[in-house]
Amino acid sequence: MFGLGMIKGTIIGMGIGIMAGLALKEVCRMKKKKDQISKTESDIVDSENS
């Protein structure tokens, strides 16, 4: 019984870890995309002022 609980707990823990990792990856991807958009906008503004 104890071994089955350990296995079940490990599987649940790994599932939570994978979900958290994917969520963090998605947040980083969105942040990177937002930074690229703002950088492109600032480049356009800089070229208009020159």
C-alpha atoms as a PDB file:
ATOM      1  CA  MET A   1       0.000   0.000   0.000  1.00  0.00           C
ATOM      2  CA  PHE A   2       2.768   2.424   0.905  1.00  0.00           C
ATOM      3  CA  GLY A   3       4.579   1.807  -2.388  1.00  0.00           C
ATOM      4  CA  LEU A   4       1.416   2.466  -4.377  1.00  0.00           C
ATOM      5  CA  GLY A   5       0.945   5.782  -2.565  1.00  0.00           C
ATOM      6  CA  MET A   6       4.536   6.756  -3.305  1.00  0.00           C
ATOM      7  CA  ILE A   7       4.095   5.971  -6.993  1.00  0.00           C
ATOM      8  CA  LYS A   8       0.779   7.838  -7.164  1.00  0.00           C
ATOM      9  CA  GLY A   9       2.269  10.844  -5.365  1.00  0.00           C
ATOM     10  CA  THR A  10       5.252  10.886  -7.687  1.00  0.00           C
ATOM     11  CA  ILE A  11       3.024  10.808 -10.763  1.00  0.00           C
ATOM     12  CA  ILE A  12       0.835  13.622  -9.419  1.00  0.00           C
ATOM     13  CA  GLY A  13       3.918  15.671  -8.496  1.00  0.00           C
ATOM     14  CA  MET A  14       5.450  15.212 -11.916  1.00  0.00           C
ATOM     15  CA  GLY A  15       2.159  16.215 -13.546  1.00  0.00           C
ATOM     16  CA  ILE A  16       2.022  19.415 -11.513  1.00  0.00           C
ATOM     17  CA  GLY A  17       5.671  20.139 -12.319  1.00  0.00           C
ATOM     18  CA  ILE A  18       5.143  19.661 -16.047  1.00  0.00           C
ATOM     19  CA  MET A  19       2.056  21.892 -16.049  1.00  0.00           C
ATOM     20  CA  ALA A  20       3.894  24.618 -14.124  1.00  0.00           C
ATOM     21  CA  GLY A  21       6.845  24.365 -16.510  1.00  0.00           C
ATOM     22  CA  LEU A  22       4.623  24.722 -19.565  1.00  0.00           C
ATOM     23  CA  ALA A  23       2.819  27.703 -18.036  1.00  0.00           C
ATOM     24  CA  LEU A  24       6.134  29.399 -17.234  1.00  0.00           C
ATOM     25  CA  LYS A  25       7.402  28.728 -20.759  1.00  0.00           C
ATOM     26  CA  GLU A  26       4.255  30.299 -22.223  1.00  0.00           C
ATOM     27  CA  VAL A  27       4.634  33.394 -20.014  1.00  0.00           C
ATOM     28  CA  CYS A  28       8.249  33.814 -21.132  1.00  0.00           C
ATOM     29  CA  ARG A  29       7.237  33.380 -24.769  1.00  0.00           C
ATOM     30  CA  MET A  30       4.518  36.052 -24.437  1.00  0.00           C
ATOM     31  CA  LYS A  31       6.932  38.437 -22.686  1.00  0.00           C
ATOM     32  CA  LYS A  32       9.565  37.941 -25.391  1.00  0.00           C
ATOM     33  CA  LYS A  33       6.996  38.565 -28.131  1.00  0.00           C
ATOM     34  CA  LYS A  34       5.794  41.729 -26.354  1.00  0.00           C
ATOM     35  CA  ASP A  35       9.379  42.998 -26.055  1.00  0.00           C
ATOM     36  CA  GLN A  36       9.972  42.413 -29.771  1.00  0.00           C
ATOM     37  CA  ILE A  37       6.803  44.332 -30.669  1.00  0.00           C
ATOM     38  CA  SER A  38       7.731  47.304 -28.473  1.00  0.00           C
ATOM     39  CA  LYS A  39      11.289  47.294 -29.875  1.00  0.00           C
ATOM     40  CA  THR A  40       9.922  47.333 -33.437  1.00  0.00           C
ATOM     41  CA  GLU A  41       7.595  50.221 -32.572  1.00  0.00           C
ATOM     42  CA  SER A  42      10.452  52.225 -31.038  1.00  0.00           C
ATOM     43  CA  ASP A  43      12.578  51.579 -34.153  1.00  0.00           C
ATOM     44  CA  ILE A  44       9.767  52.936 -36.350  1.00  0.00           C
ATOM     45  CA  VAL A  45       9.422  56.067 -34.175  1.00  0.00           C
ATOM     46  CA  ASP A  46      13.205  56.621 -34.197  1.00  0.00           C
ATOM     47  CA  SER A  47      13.387  56.417 -37.997  1.00  0.00           C
ATOM     48  CA  GLU A  48      10.539  58.949 -38.368  1.00  0.00           C
ATOM     49  CA  ASN A  49      12.306  61.464 -36.095  1.00  0.00           C
ATOM     50  CA  SER A  50      15.595  61.248 -38.015  1.00  0.00           C
END
